[in-house]
Protein backbone atom coordinates (compact mmCIF):
# COMPACT_ATOMS: atom_id res chain seq x y z
CA MET A 1 0.00 0.00 0.00
CA LYS A 2 1.42 3.37 -0.97
CA ILE A 3 0.75 6.31 1.34
CA VAL A 4 0.82 9.76 -0.18
CA MET A 5 1.04 12.78 2.07
CA THR A 6 0.19 16.28 0.93
CA ILE A 7 0.78 19.54 2.67
CA ILE A 8 -2.36 21.59 3.04
CA LYS A 9 -1.78 25.31 3.19
CA PRO A 10 -4.14 27.61 5.07
CA PHE A 11 -6.81 29.25 2.92
CA LYS A 12 -9.37 31.93 3.21
CA LEU A 13 -13.01 30.90 2.94
CA ASN A 14 -13.81 33.53 0.28
CA GLU A 15 -10.97 32.17 -1.94
CA VAL A 16 -12.61 28.74 -1.97
CA ARG A 17 -16.02 30.23 -2.75
CA HIS A 18 -14.48 32.23 -5.61
CA GLU A 19 -12.81 29.15 -7.17
CA ALA A 20 -15.93 27.00 -6.84
CA SER A 21 -18.17 29.68 -8.35
CA MET A 22 -15.93 29.96 -11.43
CA CYS A 23 -16.71 26.40 -12.58
CA PRO A 24 -20.02 25.19 -11.08
CA ARG A 25 -20.32 22.39 -13.68
CA ILE A 26 -16.95 20.87 -12.84
CA ARG A 27 -17.86 19.84 -9.29
CA PRO A 28 -20.41 17.11 -10.29
CA VAL A 29 -18.06 15.85 -13.02
CA LEU A 30 -15.20 15.57 -10.53
CA ALA A 31 -17.47 13.76 -8.07
CA VAL A 32 -18.51 11.23 -10.72
CA LEU A 33 -14.91 10.70 -11.89
CA THR A 34 -13.73 10.25 -8.31
CA LEU A 35 -16.45 7.70 -7.60
CA PHE A 36 -15.69 5.85 -10.84
CA GLY A 37 -11.97 5.78 -9.99
CA LEU A 38 -12.64 4.38 -6.53
CA LEU A 39 -14.93 1.67 -7.91
CA LEU A 40 -12.45 0.77 -10.64
CA ALA A 41 -9.56 0.55 -8.17
CA ALA A 42 -11.52 -1.72 -5.83
CA ALA A 43 -13.05 -4.02 -8.47
CA PRO A 44 -10.10 -6.31 -9.36
CA THR A 45 -9.41 -7.26 -5.77
CA GLN A 46 -12.99 -7.70 -4.62
CA ALA A 47 -13.42 -11.39 -5.55
CA GLN A 48 -10.06 -12.51 -4.21
CA GLU A 49 -10.52 -10.54 -0.99
CA HIS A 50 -13.98 -12.06 -0.67
CA HIS A 51 -12.58 -15.58 -0.91
CA ALA A 52 -9.62 -14.76 1.34
CA ASN A 53 -11.88 -13.10 3.92
CA HIS A 54 -14.04 -16.21 4.05
CA GLY A 55 -10.98 -18.39 4.54
CA TYR A 56 -11.44 -20.35 1.33
CA GLN A 57 -8.33 -22.44 0.80
CA GLY A 58 -9.64 -25.05 -1.60
CA GLN A 59 -10.77 -27.41 1.16
CA HIS A 60 -12.61 -30.36 -0.38
CA GLY A 61 -16.36 -29.88 0.04
CA VAL A 62 -16.16 -26.45 1.74
CA GLY A 63 -18.45 -23.98 -0.06
CA HIS A 64 -19.53 -26.55 -2.66
CA GLU A 65 -23.26 -26.72 -1.88
CA HIS A 66 -23.75 -23.01 -2.53
CA TRP A 67 -22.41 -23.20 -6.11
CA HIS A 68 -23.19 -26.75 -7.27
CA GLN A 69 -26.59 -26.31 -8.91
CA GLN A 70 -26.06 -22.96 -10.60
CA PHE A 71 -22.39 -23.21 -11.55
CA TYR A 72 -20.31 -26.34 -10.85
CA SER A 73 -22.78 -28.77 -12.41
CA LYS A 74 -22.37 -26.95 -15.75
CA LEU A 75 -18.55 -27.06 -15.92
CA MET A 76 -17.13 -29.64 -18.35
CA ARG A 77 -13.61 -31.08 -18.38
CA LYS A 78 -11.66 -30.30 -21.55
CA ASP A 79 -9.90 -33.69 -21.65
CA SER A 80 -12.82 -36.08 -21.15
CA LYS A 81 -15.83 -33.85 -21.96
CA THR A 82 -17.38 -35.03 -18.65
CA SER A 83 -18.45 -32.95 -15.68
CA CYS A 84 -15.75 -31.24 -13.63
CA CYS A 85 -17.83 -31.91 -10.56
CA ASN A 86 -18.70 -35.21 -8.92
CA LEU A 87 -21.00 -33.85 -6.18
CA SER A 88 -18.25 -32.33 -4.02
CA ASP A 89 -15.14 -31.89 -6.16
CA CYS A 90 -15.44 -28.14 -6.81
CA VAL A 91 -14.89 -25.42 -4.23
CA PRO A 92 -14.15 -21.69 -3.99
CA THR A 93 -10.46 -20.96 -3.53
CA GLN A 94 -7.80 -18.33 -4.01
CA SER A 95 -5.51 -17.89 -7.00
CA ARG A 96 -2.28 -16.12 -7.83
CA MET A 97 0.09 -15.67 -10.76
CA ILE A 98 3.68 -16.83 -10.24
CA ASN A 99 6.04 -15.97 -13.08
CA ASP A 100 4.47 -17.64 -16.15
CA HIS A 101 1.78 -19.80 -14.49
CA TYR A 102 -1.21 -19.67 -12.18
CA GLU A 103 -1.53 -21.37 -8.82
CA VAL A 104 -4.62 -22.11 -6.71
CA LEU A 105 -4.98 -23.14 -3.10
CA VAL A 106 -5.92 -26.82 -2.84
CA GLU A 107 -6.36 -28.19 0.67
CA GLY A 108 -4.41 -25.14 1.89
CA GLU A 109 -1.40 -25.70 -0.42
CA TRP A 110 -0.54 -23.68 -3.53
CA THR A 111 -0.85 -25.95 -6.57
CA LYS A 112 0.35 -25.18 -10.12
CA VAL A 113 -2.52 -24.93 -12.62
CA PRO A 114 -1.98 -26.70 -15.96
CA GLN A 115 -3.13 -24.51 -18.84
CA ASP A 116 -5.49 -27.20 -20.18
CA VAL A 117 -7.69 -27.25 -17.05
CA ILE A 118 -8.45 -23.52 -17.08
CA GLN A 119 -12.11 -22.91 -17.93
CA ASN A 120 -12.93 -19.95 -20.16
CA VAL A 121 -15.79 -18.75 -17.96
CA ALA A 122 -16.23 -16.36 -15.07
CA ALA A 123 -17.72 -17.53 -11.80
CA PRO A 124 -20.94 -15.84 -10.64
CA ASP A 125 -19.04 -14.32 -7.70
CA GLY A 126 -16.05 -13.31 -9.84
CA GLY A 127 -13.70 -15.42 -7.72
CA ALA A 128 -11.45 -18.41 -8.23
CA HIS A 129 -12.83 -21.96 -8.08
CA VAL A 130 -11.11 -25.34 -8.36
CA CYS A 131 -12.34 -28.89 -9.02
CA PHE A 132 -10.09 -31.72 -7.82
CA PRO A 133 -10.34 -35.31 -6.54
CA LYS A 134 -10.46 -35.92 -2.81
CA GLN A 135 -7.11 -37.12 -1.50
CA PRO A 136 -5.75 -39.63 -0.87
CA SER A 137 -6.97 -41.27 -4.06
CA ASN A 138 -6.12 -44.58 -5.68
CA HIS A 139 -6.85 -43.13 -9.12
CA PHE A 140 -5.42 -39.60 -9.08
CA PRO A 141 -2.08 -38.37 -7.70
CA LYS A 142 -1.95 -35.40 -5.33
CA GLY A 143 -2.02 -32.16 -7.29
CA THR A 144 -4.46 -33.43 -9.96
CA LEU A 145 -6.86 -30.67 -11.01
CA PHE A 146 -9.96 -31.33 -13.12
CA CYS A 147 -11.01 -27.71 -13.73
CA VAL A 148 -10.01 -24.24 -12.59
CA VAL A 149 -12.00 -21.01 -12.94
CA LEU A 150 -9.89 -17.90 -12.51
CA PRO A 151 -11.12 -14.41 -11.60
CA PRO A 152 -11.67 -12.13 -14.62
CA GLU A 153 -8.69 -9.90 -13.77
CA THR A 154 -6.24 -12.81 -14.10
């Protein structure tokens, strides 16, 4: 976080009134631009902060019920053309970019995301979501990801 300090010099009240009266149409425009700038600055981090604030770390089954019907049940694996979700495989998580690849939290550990599992859709909440087999598994090694949905800003 960058902190910017400015020095405010004393002013006379009639000087402020004079400047404001010179451009009465500028004040609403500046208010709108300021509001737009604040919204724009906050938008990219909203989904990730939401998932981080709720403690989502890709824990198998945690948060799944909320999204299954409207979102997870519609995701299809690129390799097998079958569902990404087998009733509890998909969960909200956090994501990050490290050098040339993405990582998501799976069971609390950062896991590299293969390019071919990234879904070209945005989640309804704008956050990151991951579908993976419950571990330990006899069929899938640790770190296997079926599908990953990344936030729009990534």
